[in-house]
Protein backbone atom coordinates (compact mmCIF):
# COMPACT_ATOMS: atom_id res chain seq x y z
CA MET A 1 -0.07 -0.04 0.00
CA THR A 2 1.47 3.34 -1.02
CA SER A 3 1.82 5.95 1.73
CA ALA A 4 0.76 9.76 1.41
CA ALA A 5 4.40 10.80 0.76
CA ASP A 6 4.74 8.17 -1.94
CA SER A 7 1.52 9.31 -3.82
CA GLY A 8 2.58 13.01 -3.58
CA LEU A 9 -0.58 13.96 -1.61
CA ARG A 10 -0.62 15.89 1.45
CA ASP A 11 -2.65 15.02 4.41
CA GLU A 12 -5.18 17.82 3.86
CA ASP A 13 -5.61 16.84 0.27
CA ARG A 14 -6.42 13.14 1.01
CA LEU A 15 -10.12 12.04 0.76
CA PRO A 16 -10.86 9.71 3.51
CA TRP A 17 -13.77 7.92 1.70
CA LEU A 18 -11.24 6.85 -0.92
CA GLU A 19 -8.96 5.30 1.47
CA THR A 20 -9.02 1.40 1.74
CA VAL A 21 -10.46 0.07 5.00
CA ASP A 22 -9.04 -3.13 6.53
CA ASP A 23 -11.70 -6.02 6.79
CA SER A 24 -12.82 -6.66 10.42
CA TYR A 25 -13.13 -10.33 11.39
CA ASP A 26 -14.92 -11.69 14.27
CA ASP A 27 -12.69 -14.29 15.91
CA ARG A 28 -15.34 -15.65 18.15
CA PRO A 29 -16.70 -19.26 17.28
CA SER A 30 -20.26 -19.62 16.05
CA PRO A 31 -22.89 -20.99 18.51
CA ALA A 32 -23.74 -23.70 15.95
CA ARG A 33 -20.24 -24.92 15.88
CA VAL A 34 -19.95 -25.02 19.64
CA VAL A 35 -23.17 -27.10 19.89
CA LEU A 36 -21.89 -29.59 17.29
CA LEU A 37 -18.56 -30.10 18.99
CA VAL A 38 -20.39 -30.69 22.34
CA LEU A 39 -22.61 -33.32 20.80
CA ILE A 40 -19.63 -35.17 19.25
CA GLY A 41 -18.00 -35.24 22.55
CA LEU A 42 -20.96 -36.62 24.38
CA ALA A 43 -21.31 -39.29 21.58
CA VAL A 44 -17.69 -40.30 22.07
CA ILE A 45 -18.20 -40.52 25.89
CA ALA A 46 -21.41 -42.63 25.56
CA ALA A 47 -19.65 -45.01 23.17
CA ALA A 48 -16.77 -45.48 25.54
CA ILE A 49 -19.04 -46.19 28.54
CA LEU A 50 -21.02 -48.81 26.41
CA GLY A 51 -17.77 -50.44 25.27
CA ILE A 52 -16.65 -50.71 28.94
CA TYR A 53 -19.90 -52.23 30.01
CA TRP A 54 -20.05 -54.76 27.04
CA TYR A 55 -16.50 -55.93 27.79
CA GLN A 56 -17.27 -56.44 31.47
CA ASP A 57 -20.50 -58.25 30.82
CA ARG A 58 -19.49 -60.47 27.84
CA PRO A 59 -19.53 -64.27 28.65
CA ALA A 60 -16.15 -65.86 29.66
CA GLY A 61 -14.41 -68.23 27.14
CA GLY A 62 -14.91 -72.01 27.37
CA GLY A 63 -12.99 -73.83 29.92
CA GLY A 64 -10.76 -76.87 29.45
CA SER A 65 -7.22 -77.73 29.43
CA GLY A 66 -6.86 -77.93 25.64
CA GLU A 67 -5.33 -81.39 25.82
CA LEU A 68 -5.37 -83.63 22.75
CA ILE A 69 -8.20 -86.31 23.02
CA GLU A 70 -6.74 -89.70 22.72
CA ALA A 71 -8.40 -92.52 20.59
CA GLN A 72 -10.12 -95.36 22.31
CA GLU A 73 -8.46 -98.73 22.56
CA GLY A 74 -9.80 -101.58 20.45
CA ASP A 75 -11.72 -101.88 17.31
CA TYR A 76 -13.44 -98.89 15.71
CA LYS A 77 -16.26 -100.82 14.17
CA VAL A 78 -18.17 -103.40 16.02
CA LYS A 79 -20.39 -106.10 14.31
CA PRO A 80 -24.01 -105.62 15.25
CA ASP A 81 -26.00 -108.26 17.14
CA GLN A 82 -28.46 -108.32 14.14
CA PRO A 83 -26.59 -108.25 10.92
CA GLY A 84 -29.66 -108.05 8.84
CA GLY A 85 -30.92 -104.86 10.59
CA MET A 86 -33.97 -103.93 12.54
CA GLU A 87 -37.21 -105.63 11.52
CA VAL A 88 -39.90 -103.20 10.35
CA ALA A 89 -43.50 -103.96 10.71
CA GLY A 90 -45.12 -104.91 7.42
CA GLU A 91 -41.86 -105.73 5.68
CA GLY A 92 -42.31 -108.50 3.16
CA ASP A 93 -45.87 -107.45 2.33
CA SER A 94 -46.95 -107.12 -1.41
CA VAL A 95 -46.77 -103.31 -1.24
CA PHE A 96 -42.99 -103.57 -0.56
CA LYS A 97 -42.46 -106.11 -3.21
CA THR A 98 -44.33 -104.08 -5.85
CA SER A 99 -42.35 -100.84 -5.00
CA ASP A 100 -39.02 -102.72 -5.17
CA GLY A 101 -40.00 -104.22 -8.61
CA SER A 102 -40.23 -107.73 -7.43
CA THR A 103 -42.17 -110.05 -9.61
CA ALA A 104 -43.36 -112.10 -6.67
CA ALA A 105 -46.36 -109.81 -6.09
CA ASP A 106 -49.59 -111.31 -7.71
CA ALA A 107 -51.21 -108.59 -9.82
CA ARG A 108 -53.58 -110.73 -11.71
CA VAL A 109 -57.12 -109.68 -12.06
CA ASP A 110 -59.77 -112.03 -10.52
CA LEU A 111 -62.05 -112.75 -13.40
CA SER A 112 -64.31 -114.91 -11.37
CA ALA A 113 -65.62 -111.82 -9.50
CA VAL A 114 -67.27 -110.53 -12.60
CA PRO A 115 -70.95 -111.73 -12.96
CA GLU A 116 -71.17 -114.60 -15.56
CA THR A 117 -74.59 -113.72 -16.94
CA PRO A 118 -76.24 -110.27 -17.23
CA VAL A 119 -79.23 -109.65 -15.04
CA ALA A 120 -82.32 -109.30 -17.21
CA PRO A 121 -84.66 -106.42 -16.35
CA GLN A 122 -88.05 -107.12 -15.13
CA VAL A 123 -90.81 -106.40 -17.75
CA LYS A 124 -94.01 -105.06 -16.37
CA ALA A 125 -97.10 -106.49 -18.06
CA SER A 126 -98.93 -103.80 -20.13
CA PRO A 127 -102.81 -103.88 -19.92
CA LYS A 128 -103.02 -102.85 -23.52
CA ALA A 129 -100.20 -104.28 -25.64
CA ALA A 130 -99.51 -102.68 -28.96
CA PRO A 131 -100.46 -104.93 -31.91
CA THR A 132 -96.96 -104.83 -33.37
CA GLN A 133 -95.05 -105.50 -30.12
CA SER A 134 -95.47 -108.16 -27.46
CA ALA A 135 -93.81 -108.82 -24.06
CA ALA A 136 -91.98 -111.76 -25.45
CA ALA A 137 -90.42 -109.75 -28.24
CA ARG A 138 -89.05 -106.81 -25.92
CA VAL A 139 -85.32 -106.53 -25.59
CA SER A 140 -83.04 -104.92 -23.04
CA GLU A 141 -80.61 -102.64 -25.12
CA VAL A 142 -77.38 -101.63 -23.40
CA ILE A 143 -74.91 -99.27 -25.15
CA PRO A 144 -71.42 -100.12 -24.00
CA PRO A 145 -68.64 -97.53 -24.01
CA PRO A 146 -66.83 -97.38 -27.50
CA ALA A 147 -63.59 -99.19 -27.64
CA ARG A 148 -61.90 -96.47 -29.47
CA LYS A 149 -62.63 -93.16 -31.20
CA GLY A 150 -64.87 -93.64 -34.30
CA ALA A 151 -65.89 -97.22 -33.48
CA PRO A 152 -69.57 -97.84 -34.30
CA ALA A 153 -72.10 -97.87 -31.53
CA ARG A 154 -73.03 -101.39 -30.52
CA ILE A 155 -76.30 -102.68 -29.20
CA THR A 156 -76.44 -105.81 -27.16
CA ALA A 157 -79.94 -107.25 -27.38
CA ALA A 158 -81.08 -110.24 -25.20
CA ASN A 159 -84.31 -111.72 -26.41
CA ALA A 160 -86.60 -112.59 -23.50
CA GLY A 161 -88.26 -115.18 -25.62
CA GLN A 162 -85.02 -117.01 -26.66
CA THR A 163 -84.90 -120.65 -25.72
CA GLY A 164 -82.13 -123.20 -25.91
CA SER A 165 -79.93 -125.55 -23.79
CA ALA A 166 -78.03 -123.85 -20.99
CA GLY A 167 -74.40 -123.71 -20.87
CA THR A 168 -73.68 -123.29 -24.56
CA ALA A 169 -70.35 -122.23 -26.08
CA ILE A 170 -71.82 -119.17 -28.03
CA VAL A 171 -70.88 -115.67 -26.91
CA GLN A 172 -72.84 -112.85 -28.28
CA LEU A 173 -70.61 -109.70 -28.83
CA GLY A 174 -73.26 -107.30 -29.84
CA SER A 175 -76.36 -106.62 -32.18
CA PHE A 176 -75.86 -104.27 -35.21
CA PRO A 177 -78.27 -102.65 -37.73
CA SER A 178 -76.37 -104.10 -40.68
CA PRO A 179 -73.97 -106.87 -41.55
CA ALA A 180 -71.27 -104.32 -42.58
CA SER A 181 -71.31 -102.71 -39.06
CA ALA A 182 -71.13 -106.15 -37.38
CA ASN A 183 -68.07 -107.09 -39.44
CA GLY A 184 -66.45 -103.81 -38.89
CA ALA A 185 -67.00 -104.32 -35.07
CA TRP A 186 -65.56 -107.77 -35.39
CA LYS A 187 -62.52 -106.47 -37.01
CA GLN A 188 -61.85 -104.01 -34.18
CA LEU A 189 -62.42 -106.49 -31.44
CA SER A 190 -60.26 -109.31 -33.03
CA GLY A 191 -57.56 -106.84 -33.47
CA ARG A 192 -57.79 -105.49 -29.96
CA PHE A 193 -58.15 -108.97 -28.29
CA GLY A 194 -55.91 -111.56 -29.80
CA TYR A 195 -57.67 -114.50 -28.06
CA LEU A 196 -60.86 -113.71 -30.34
CA ALA A 197 -59.14 -113.77 -33.67
CA ASN A 198 -58.79 -117.63 -33.71
CA LEU A 199 -62.58 -118.03 -32.94
CA GLY A 200 -65.18 -118.48 -35.73
CA GLN A 201 -67.58 -115.53 -35.85
CA THR A 202 -70.99 -115.50 -37.33
CA VAL A 203 -73.44 -112.87 -38.10
CA GLU A 204 -77.04 -113.90 -37.68
CA ALA A 205 -80.05 -111.91 -38.65
CA ALA A 206 -83.11 -111.74 -36.31
CA GLU A 207 -86.32 -109.76 -35.85
CA VAL A 208 -86.54 -107.67 -32.82
CA ASN A 209 -89.47 -105.18 -32.24
CA GLY A 210 -90.32 -105.17 -35.96
CA ARG A 211 -86.86 -104.48 -37.18
CA THR A 212 -84.04 -106.61 -38.32
CA VAL A 213 -80.80 -106.78 -36.32
CA HIS A 214 -77.60 -108.64 -37.01
CA ARG A 215 -76.04 -110.42 -33.97
CA LEU A 216 -72.25 -110.78 -33.77
CA ARG A 217 -71.46 -114.12 -32.17
CA VAL A 218 -68.45 -116.37 -31.71
CA ASN A 219 -68.10 -120.19 -30.93
CA ALA A 220 -65.71 -120.43 -27.95
CA GLY A 221 -65.67 -124.32 -28.03
CA SER A 222 -67.13 -124.94 -24.50
CA ALA A 223 -69.30 -123.46 -21.91
CA ALA A 224 -66.50 -122.73 -19.55
CA GLN A 225 -64.39 -121.22 -22.32
CA ALA A 226 -67.33 -118.99 -23.31
CA ARG A 227 -67.77 -117.82 -19.74
CA ASP A 228 -64.02 -117.09 -19.46
CA ILE A 229 -63.96 -115.09 -22.62
CA CYS A 230 -66.93 -113.08 -21.69
CA GLN A 231 -65.54 -112.23 -18.29
CA ARG A 232 -62.20 -111.00 -19.88
CA LEU A 233 -64.13 -108.79 -22.13
CA LYS A 234 -66.19 -107.32 -19.31
CA VAL A 235 -63.05 -106.52 -17.39
CA ALA A 236 -61.73 -104.75 -20.53
CA GLY A 237 -64.96 -102.66 -20.73
CA GLU A 238 -66.81 -104.50 -23.45
CA ALA A 239 -70.44 -105.84 -23.26
CA CYS A 240 -71.12 -109.53 -23.99
CA PHE A 241 -73.09 -112.50 -22.72
CA VAL A 242 -73.09 -116.06 -23.09
CA VAL A 243 -76.05 -117.41 -25.23
CA SER A 244 -78.36 -119.77 -23.21
């Protein structure tokens, strides 16, 4: 800063408002800063006190001498008293054999539990019978579930007035409206069940309720064989009966 002598001005010629003024600084600390420092100090003291309490109250370490554990004398493995293991209740039953894949389990179907002959429905006597239909000519029609998609519907007709010797070897597989449908049903049945393919089938026409039906029948060879074949077909979901 230049002095008055250096600038060539006399004291009376100097203008006081043009002189530089030194900045005045307040060296006193601000109240906010003081409060912040006090809070930091209190936090440090509190943390120190909590650390001391935690160190004094913490559980002591485990005891022990730290010696090496010696191995026991003798064999490490001992043969059990029951080499086969503990016996479990139910072990050896068929459910365990089946789950293990054993072939000892008997999974055959009991064909004798299937009724041998269908139960004929009771026909009530009508006071006024129609001239074209009689009680002896009525039939019981049962539509079995189709063997496969697209198979023709098959109607099993049991003529109440049919007579013959009991225990024949003829098995009726169904009643159809035409010979073509009967032969088509035989082709499907013989292809599905191999034990029917070697039997001789016949398609017989009959009058039922004023209309012609065609009965698909096979000769089983004996009465016992006929019952067995019909039972096996019923288990598979087909309808049949032994002609009596």
